Amino acid sequence: MRPLYRNIIVGLVILAGLISFLFVRFYAAAGQFTTLTAAMEIRPQCTIIPSVPGPEDIVIDHERQIAFVSAVDRRAILAGAENVRGGIYVIDLSGPREGWSLRPVTAHVAQAFQPHGIGLYIDEAGRRTLAVVNHAADTHSVELFDVAEDAVLSHRATVTDPMLISPNDVQPVGHDKFYVTNDHGTASTLGQFLQDMLMLDGANLAYFDGLGFRLVAEGLSFPNGVNVSPDGSLVYVAETIDMALRIYARARESGDLTPVDYVALGTGVDNLDVAPDGTILSGAHPKLMDFVAHAGDAGNLSPSQVVRLVPNEGGGGVADTVYLNLGDELSGSSVAALYGDVMLVSGVFDPKVLACPVAAPR
């Protein structure tokens, strides 16, 4: 065999081996080799609340007993439909669970609106701001709304910037200040694909101080949900591909962050909810490639999981699973929000919100 041909064959074998290694590495990291069976399911008696398609994120105003729901028909968007309009909806939690339903509060908003992650800020005087990631009209933005007593939203400001490369979730820490996750570090389709497949830590968390943006955390792998502790001293970021929760100490005046902890959770955590007592809930995807398949075809079920983390004073905490379903009750869970002993759970595509009882931590 000629040296040139031999070198070509050796090179092809090495390339094939490298591709196989990357494939196995990615599938293992994505949870595809994890075995899930019906016997492993954790299925409390949930009440189904009918919804518009795609109730991807939920935040709860505990004082007013109101849940805000961000929803848009993502399947229509993926199918190429034009002018798909989403909205923010509320659920009045003050009455019996059987009567809970969604009520629109952004029907009057004239602009193109395709909401994604949302976050709520309440100041000491009781004034409220709802921040919303918006992907409409080929422009990424964060929309800021004032919240009336009846929970109807009044649009106050649109914040755009080249730093909003691929915004996913937002958490306000003031009426004009917020953290926002960029789940990728590039806007190109190819670049995002490579970041995901190679599990590159190329994404970030940005901070808007009322005047401009700056990066406050980099080297992240698909940062998704972002939230803060009840006292505002900590910032939590969910990393979906790394299947972990990053915890940062927050400087209140500057907004700067210092890493303080990293919690491996073994599932693709999505949005984060922080209850008044500090308990963290996350809707999660235990098998990420199943979720990708579900995004392409609703007939492909994607397992849903809700992880609870109860932090301990001084660091650490206890994590457990409070909901696990193979995908027949709910596929592609993206959020779980705690209200007393009930959690609201919903996903990226399914037209429903589940209201499920939650057992106390052991």
Protein backbone atom coordinates (compact mmCIF):
# COMPACT_ATOMS: atom_id res chain seq x y z
CA MET A 1 0.00 0.00 0.00
CA ARG A 2 1.35 3.38 -0.95
CA PRO A 3 2.25 5.70 1.94
CA LEU A 4 -0.24 8.33 0.75
CA TYR A 5 -3.16 5.89 0.74
CA ARG A 6 -2.09 4.46 4.08
CA ASN A 7 -1.98 7.94 5.61
CA ILE A 8 -5.43 8.72 4.21
CA ILE A 9 -6.87 5.51 5.67
CA VAL A 10 -5.24 6.16 9.04
CA GLY A 11 -6.59 9.70 9.00
CA LEU A 12 -10.11 8.49 8.20
CA VAL A 13 -9.96 5.91 10.98
CA ILE A 14 -8.82 8.57 13.45
CA LEU A 15 -11.57 10.93 12.27
CA ALA A 16 -14.21 8.21 12.59
CA GLY A 17 -12.95 7.41 16.08
CA LEU A 18 -13.06 11.06 17.08
CA ILE A 19 -16.60 11.47 15.76
CA SER A 20 -17.70 8.32 17.60
CA PHE A 21 -16.08 9.56 20.80
CA LEU A 22 -17.82 12.94 20.54
CA PHE A 23 -21.14 11.25 19.77
CA VAL A 24 -20.94 8.93 22.78
CA ARG A 25 -19.69 11.76 25.00
CA PHE A 26 -22.57 14.01 24.01
CA TYR A 27 -25.23 11.32 24.35
CA ALA A 28 -23.93 10.35 27.78
CA ALA A 29 -23.88 13.98 28.92
CA ALA A 30 -27.38 14.50 27.49
CA GLY A 31 -28.76 11.70 29.65
CA GLN A 32 -29.58 9.42 26.73
CA PHE A 33 -28.05 6.38 28.42
CA THR A 34 -30.13 6.93 31.56
CA THR A 35 -32.83 4.31 32.03
CA LEU A 36 -36.29 5.62 32.87
CA THR A 37 -39.23 3.27 33.40
CA ALA A 38 -42.86 3.66 34.43
CA ALA A 39 -41.97 2.16 37.81
CA MET A 40 -39.66 5.12 38.44
CA GLU A 41 -42.32 7.76 37.82
CA ILE A 42 -43.31 10.20 40.55
CA ARG A 43 -46.86 11.25 39.66
CA PRO A 44 -48.86 13.13 42.27
CA GLN A 45 -52.56 13.73 41.60
CA CYS A 46 -52.26 16.75 39.32
CA THR A 47 -55.06 18.98 38.09
CA ILE A 48 -54.80 19.93 34.42
CA ILE A 49 -55.31 23.63 33.66
CA PRO A 50 -56.00 24.09 29.92
CA SER A 51 -53.63 26.59 28.32
CA VAL A 52 -52.68 28.12 25.03
CA PRO A 53 -49.72 26.25 23.48
CA GLY A 54 -46.25 26.74 24.91
CA PRO A 55 -46.60 27.99 28.52
CA GLU A 56 -42.81 27.90 28.86
CA ASP A 57 -42.25 29.97 32.01
CA ILE A 58 -44.16 30.80 35.19
CA VAL A 59 -43.50 33.22 38.03
CA ILE A 60 -45.68 33.68 41.11
CA ASP A 61 -46.61 36.85 42.98
CA HIS A 62 -47.17 35.24 46.39
CA GLU A 63 -48.52 38.38 48.07
CA ARG A 64 -51.24 38.90 45.46
CA GLN A 65 -51.74 35.15 44.86
CA ILE A 66 -51.20 35.47 41.12
CA ALA A 67 -49.18 33.33 38.71
CA PHE A 68 -47.82 34.91 35.52
CA VAL A 69 -47.48 32.54 32.56
CA SER A 70 -45.42 33.23 29.42
CA ALA A 71 -46.75 31.41 26.36
CA VAL A 72 -46.38 31.28 22.58
CA ASP A 73 -47.10 28.59 19.99
CA ARG A 74 -43.54 27.47 19.26
CA ARG A 75 -44.62 24.67 16.95
CA ALA A 76 -46.25 27.22 14.68
CA ILE A 77 -43.03 29.25 14.72
CA LEU A 78 -40.92 26.17 13.93
CA ALA A 79 -43.31 25.35 11.07
CA GLY A 80 -42.59 28.75 9.52
CA ALA A 81 -45.86 30.50 10.36
CA GLU A 82 -45.65 34.28 10.21
CA ASN A 83 -46.84 36.82 12.75
CA VAL A 84 -47.23 34.26 15.53
CA ARG A 85 -48.25 36.21 18.60
CA GLY A 86 -47.83 35.04 22.15
CA GLY A 87 -48.84 36.60 25.42
CA ILE A 88 -48.60 36.79 29.17
CA TYR A 89 -51.44 35.19 31.12
CA VAL A 90 -52.32 35.08 34.79
CA ILE A 91 -53.84 32.44 37.05
CA ASP A 92 -55.72 33.64 40.14
CA LEU A 93 -54.52 31.27 42.86
CA SER A 94 -56.77 32.63 45.61
CA GLY A 95 -59.69 30.32 44.82
CA PRO A 96 -60.09 26.52 44.72
CA ARG A 97 -57.60 24.72 42.52
CA GLU A 98 -60.39 23.26 40.38
CA GLY A 99 -61.32 26.78 39.25
CA TRP A 100 -57.85 27.94 38.22
CA SER A 101 -57.67 29.18 34.64
CA LEU A 102 -55.56 31.42 32.42
CA ARG A 103 -56.53 35.04 31.78
CA PRO A 104 -54.69 37.18 29.18
CA VAL A 105 -53.10 40.42 30.40
CA THR A 106 -51.21 41.55 27.27
CA ALA A 107 -53.97 41.43 24.65
CA HIS A 108 -53.69 45.21 24.33
CA VAL A 109 -49.94 45.20 23.63
CA ALA A 110 -49.70 46.31 20.01
CA GLN A 111 -46.18 45.25 19.14
CA ALA A 112 -45.06 41.85 17.89
CA PHE A 113 -44.77 39.66 20.94
CA GLN A 114 -43.18 36.23 21.31
CA PRO A 115 -42.36 35.93 25.02
CA HIS A 116 -39.82 33.50 26.44
CA GLY A 117 -38.42 33.73 29.99
CA ILE A 118 -40.01 36.10 32.51
CA GLY A 119 -39.08 37.52 35.91
CA LEU A 120 -40.85 39.59 38.56
CA TYR A 121 -39.44 42.35 40.78
CA ILE A 122 -41.34 43.86 43.74
CA ASP A 123 -39.91 46.82 45.65
CA GLU A 124 -40.50 47.68 49.32
CA ALA A 125 -43.37 49.98 48.39
CA GLY A 126 -45.14 47.19 46.50
CA ARG A 127 -44.48 48.50 42.99
CA ARG A 128 -44.06 45.65 40.53
CA THR A 129 -42.11 45.18 37.29
CA LEU A 130 -42.42 42.14 35.04
CA ALA A 131 -39.47 41.62 32.68
CA VAL A 132 -40.00 39.50 29.57
CA VAL A 133 -37.55 38.11 27.00
CA ASN A 134 -39.07 38.76 23.55
CA HIS A 135 -37.93 37.20 20.26
CA ALA A 136 -40.37 38.84 17.86
CA ALA A 137 -39.56 40.49 14.53
CA ASP A 138 -36.08 38.94 14.28
CA THR A 139 -34.96 41.17 17.14
CA HIS A 140 -34.15 40.00 20.65
CA SER A 141 -35.26 42.33 23.42
CA VAL A 142 -36.27 42.52 27.05
CA GLU A 143 -39.67 44.14 27.57
CA LEU A 144 -40.43 45.86 30.88
CA PHE A 145 -44.02 46.06 32.12
CA ASP A 146 -45.68 47.79 35.05
CA VAL A 147 -48.12 45.52 36.87
CA ALA A 148 -51.52 46.89 37.90
CA GLU A 149 -53.56 45.72 40.90
CA ASP A 150 -55.62 43.47 38.61
CA ALA A 151 -52.35 42.10 37.12
CA VAL A 152 -52.91 43.75 33.74
CA LEU A 153 -49.56 44.77 32.26
CA SER A 154 -48.67 48.22 30.92
CA HIS A 155 -45.66 48.30 28.63
CA ARG A 156 -43.00 50.71 29.89
CA ALA A 157 -39.79 50.07 27.96
CA THR A 158 -38.04 47.95 25.35
CA VAL A 159 -34.37 47.16 25.94
CA THR A 160 -32.27 45.96 23.00
CA ASP A 161 -28.53 45.57 22.58
CA PRO A 162 -26.06 43.56 20.45
CA MET A 163 -25.12 41.75 23.67
CA LEU A 164 -28.53 40.05 23.57
CA ILE A 165 -27.19 37.30 21.31
CA SER A 166 -29.53 34.49 22.30
CA PRO A 167 -31.48 35.55 25.39
CA ASN A 168 -33.39 32.87 27.24
CA ASP A 169 -34.45 34.01 30.71
CA VAL A 170 -34.44 37.25 32.67
CA GLN A 171 -34.53 38.21 36.34
CA PRO A 172 -35.04 41.86 37.31
CA VAL A 173 -33.38 43.16 40.48
CA GLY A 174 -34.80 46.67 40.10
CA HIS A 175 -37.36 48.42 37.93
CA ASP A 176 -34.74 49.00 35.23
CA LYS A 177 -32.01 46.52 36.20
CA PHE A 178 -31.88 42.84 35.34
CA TYR A 179 -29.81 39.75 34.64
CA VAL A 180 -30.37 37.88 31.37
CA THR A 181 -28.97 34.56 30.17
CA ASN A 182 -27.60 34.10 26.65
CA ASP A 183 -27.92 30.36 26.09
CA HIS A 184 -25.35 30.53 23.27
CA GLY A 185 -22.32 32.70 22.67
CA THR A 186 -23.01 33.07 18.96
CA ALA A 187 -26.04 33.97 16.88
CA SER A 188 -25.20 31.71 13.92
CA THR A 189 -27.07 28.43 13.51
CA LEU A 190 -23.87 26.51 12.78
CA GLY A 191 -22.08 28.08 15.72
CA GLN A 192 -24.91 27.20 18.08
CA PHE A 193 -25.00 23.62 16.79
CA LEU A 194 -21.27 23.21 17.35
CA GLN A 195 -21.48 24.73 20.83
CA ASP A 196 -24.17 22.21 21.74
CA MET A 197 -22.63 19.11 20.14
CA LEU A 198 -19.13 19.83 21.43
CA MET A 199 -20.53 20.98 24.79
CA LEU A 200 -18.51 24.17 24.61
CA ASP A 201 -18.70 26.59 27.52
CA GLY A 202 -19.17 29.62 25.30
CA ALA A 203 -22.34 31.25 26.63
CA ASN A 204 -22.83 33.89 29.30
CA LEU A 205 -24.91 35.90 31.74
CA ALA A 206 -25.32 39.63 31.10
CA TYR A 207 -26.36 42.43 33.45
CA PHE A 208 -28.26 45.59 32.50
CA ASP A 209 -27.72 48.40 35.02
CA GLY A 210 -30.31 50.78 33.60
CA LEU A 211 -27.85 52.37 31.17
CA GLY A 212 -26.06 49.53 29.42
CA PHE A 213 -25.09 45.87 29.39
CA ARG A 214 -21.98 44.07 30.54
CA LEU A 215 -21.09 40.42 30.99
CA VAL A 216 -20.95 39.26 34.61
CA ALA A 217 -20.47 35.50 34.07
CA GLU A 218 -18.88 33.72 31.12
CA GLY A 219 -17.80 30.20 30.19
CA LEU A 220 -21.29 28.74 30.64
CA SER A 221 -22.83 25.76 28.85
CA PHE A 222 -26.38 26.63 27.73
CA PRO A 223 -27.30 28.86 30.68
CA ASN A 224 -31.06 28.76 30.88
CA GLY A 225 -33.07 29.88 33.91
CA VAL A 226 -31.84 32.69 36.16
CA ASN A 227 -33.21 33.77 39.53
CA VAL A 228 -32.16 35.33 42.83
CA SER A 229 -32.42 34.31 46.47
CA PRO A 230 -35.21 35.92 48.52
CA ASP A 231 -32.78 38.40 50.11
CA GLY A 232 -31.15 39.21 46.75
CA SER A 233 -27.67 38.20 47.87
CA LEU A 234 -27.32 35.19 45.55
CA VAL A 235 -27.90 34.65 41.84
CA TYR A 236 -28.80 31.19 40.55
CA VAL A 237 -28.15 30.08 36.96
CA ALA A 238 -29.30 26.76 35.49
CA GLU A 239 -26.95 25.15 32.96
CA THR A 240 -28.98 22.78 30.81
CA ILE A 241 -26.18 20.93 29.01
CA ASP A 242 -23.91 20.75 32.07
CA MET A 243 -26.99 19.62 34.08
CA ALA A 244 -26.01 21.82 36.99
CA LEU A 245 -26.89 24.87 39.05
CA ARG A 246 -24.34 27.65 39.43
CA ILE A 247 -24.56 29.92 42.46
CA TYR A 248 -23.02 33.40 42.60
CA ALA A 249 -22.70 35.98 45.37
CA ARG A 250 -24.13 39.28 44.16
CA ALA A 251 -22.77 42.75 44.84
CA ARG A 252 -25.95 44.78 45.20
CA GLU A 253 -24.58 48.15 44.11
CA SER A 254 -22.61 47.04 41.05
CA GLY A 255 -24.42 43.85 40.11
CA ASP A 256 -21.08 42.02 39.85
CA LEU A 257 -21.04 38.31 40.63
CA THR A 258 -18.60 36.01 42.42
CA PRO A 259 -18.90 32.21 41.97
CA VAL A 260 -19.57 30.47 45.29
CA ASP A 261 -20.99 27.03 44.46
CA TYR A 262 -21.69 24.50 41.72
CA VAL A 263 -24.39 21.86 42.20
CA ALA A 264 -24.49 18.90 39.78
CA LEU A 265 -28.11 17.76 39.39
CA GLY A 266 -27.87 15.09 36.70
CA THR A 267 -30.73 16.43 34.59
CA GLY A 268 -31.17 19.20 32.04
CA VAL A 269 -32.40 21.97 34.31
CA ASP A 270 -34.43 24.69 32.59
CA ASN A 271 -36.22 27.58 34.32
CA LEU A 272 -35.74 28.27 38.03
CA ASP A 273 -38.33 29.23 40.64
CA VAL A 274 -37.35 30.48 44.09
CA ALA A 275 -40.05 30.30 46.77
CA PRO A 276 -40.22 32.83 49.64
CA ASP A 277 -38.51 30.32 51.96
CA GLY A 278 -35.62 29.91 49.51
CA THR A 279 -36.67 26.53 48.09
CA ILE A 280 -35.63 26.20 44.44
CA LEU A 281 -37.68 24.29 41.87
CA SER A 282 -36.62 23.59 38.30
CA GLY A 283 -38.48 22.04 35.43
CA ALA A 284 -35.98 19.73 33.75
CA HIS A 285 -35.27 17.49 30.76
CA PRO A 286 -33.66 14.20 31.91
CA LYS A 287 -33.07 13.16 28.28
CA LEU A 288 -32.06 16.16 26.21
CA MET A 289 -32.10 14.41 22.83
CA ASP A 290 -35.62 13.14 23.52
CA PHE A 291 -36.59 16.77 24.00
CA VAL A 292 -34.95 17.69 20.67
CA ALA A 293 -36.95 14.91 19.00
CA HIS A 294 -40.13 16.15 20.71
CA ALA A 295 -39.47 19.66 19.41
CA GLY A 296 -39.41 18.25 15.89
CA ASP A 297 -42.47 16.03 16.28
CA ALA A 298 -45.11 16.19 19.01
CA GLY A 299 -45.56 12.43 18.64
CA ASN A 300 -42.12 11.88 20.16
CA LEU A 301 -42.61 12.08 23.91
CA SER A 302 -40.00 13.75 26.09
CA PRO A 303 -39.70 12.91 29.80
CA SER A 304 -40.53 15.63 32.31
CA GLN A 305 -38.88 16.11 35.68
CA VAL A 306 -39.10 18.61 38.52
CA VAL A 307 -36.10 18.92 40.80
CA ARG A 308 -36.30 20.57 44.21
CA LEU A 309 -33.28 22.02 46.00
CA VAL A 310 -33.58 23.12 49.62
CA PRO A 311 -30.47 25.21 50.43
CA ASN A 312 -28.84 24.95 53.84
CA GLU A 313 -27.62 27.98 55.74
CA GLY A 314 -23.90 28.35 55.19
CA GLY A 315 -23.91 26.42 51.91
CA GLY A 316 -24.96 23.14 50.44
CA GLY A 317 -28.47 21.75 50.49
CA VAL A 318 -30.68 18.76 49.76
CA ALA A 319 -31.92 17.95 46.25
CA ASP A 320 -34.71 15.56 45.33
CA THR A 321 -37.14 14.85 42.50
CA VAL A 322 -40.78 15.77 43.18
CA TYR A 323 -42.17 14.94 39.72
CA LEU A 324 -41.07 12.48 37.05
CA ASN A 325 -43.15 11.47 34.04
CA LEU A 326 -42.15 9.64 30.86
CA GLY A 327 -43.95 12.27 28.78
CA ASP A 328 -47.54 11.06 28.47
CA GLU A 329 -48.92 13.48 31.08
CA LEU A 330 -46.55 16.32 30.17
CA SER A 331 -43.72 16.35 27.64
CA GLY A 332 -40.74 18.68 27.81
CA SER A 333 -41.24 20.30 31.21
CA SER A 334 -39.52 23.66 31.39
CA VAL A 335 -40.73 25.20 34.64
CA ALA A 336 -42.14 24.40 38.06
CA ALA A 337 -43.24 27.15 40.44
CA LEU A 338 -44.10 26.53 44.08
CA TYR A 339 -47.19 28.02 45.74
CA GLY A 340 -47.60 26.72 49.27
CA ASP A 341 -47.89 22.94 48.97
CA VAL A 342 -48.81 23.07 45.27
CA MET A 343 -46.55 23.47 42.27
CA LEU A 344 -47.47 24.68 38.80
CA VAL A 345 -45.65 22.69 36.11
CA SER A 346 -45.64 23.35 32.36
CA GLY A 347 -43.55 22.81 29.25
CA VAL A 348 -42.22 24.30 26.06
CA PHE A 349 -44.99 23.03 23.77
CA ASP A 350 -47.93 21.29 25.49
CA PRO A 351 -51.14 23.36 25.88
CA LYS A 352 -51.53 22.74 29.59
CA VAL A 353 -50.36 23.69 33.05
CA LEU A 354 -50.35 21.07 35.80
CA ALA A 355 -51.24 21.94 39.39
CA CYS A 356 -49.68 19.23 41.55
CA PRO A 357 -49.39 18.69 45.31
CA VAL A 358 -45.84 18.67 46.63
CA ALA A 359 -44.73 16.50 49.52
CA ALA A 360 -42.63 18.17 52.20
CA PRO A 361 -38.87 17.55 52.05
CA ARG A 362 -37.70 14.51 53.98
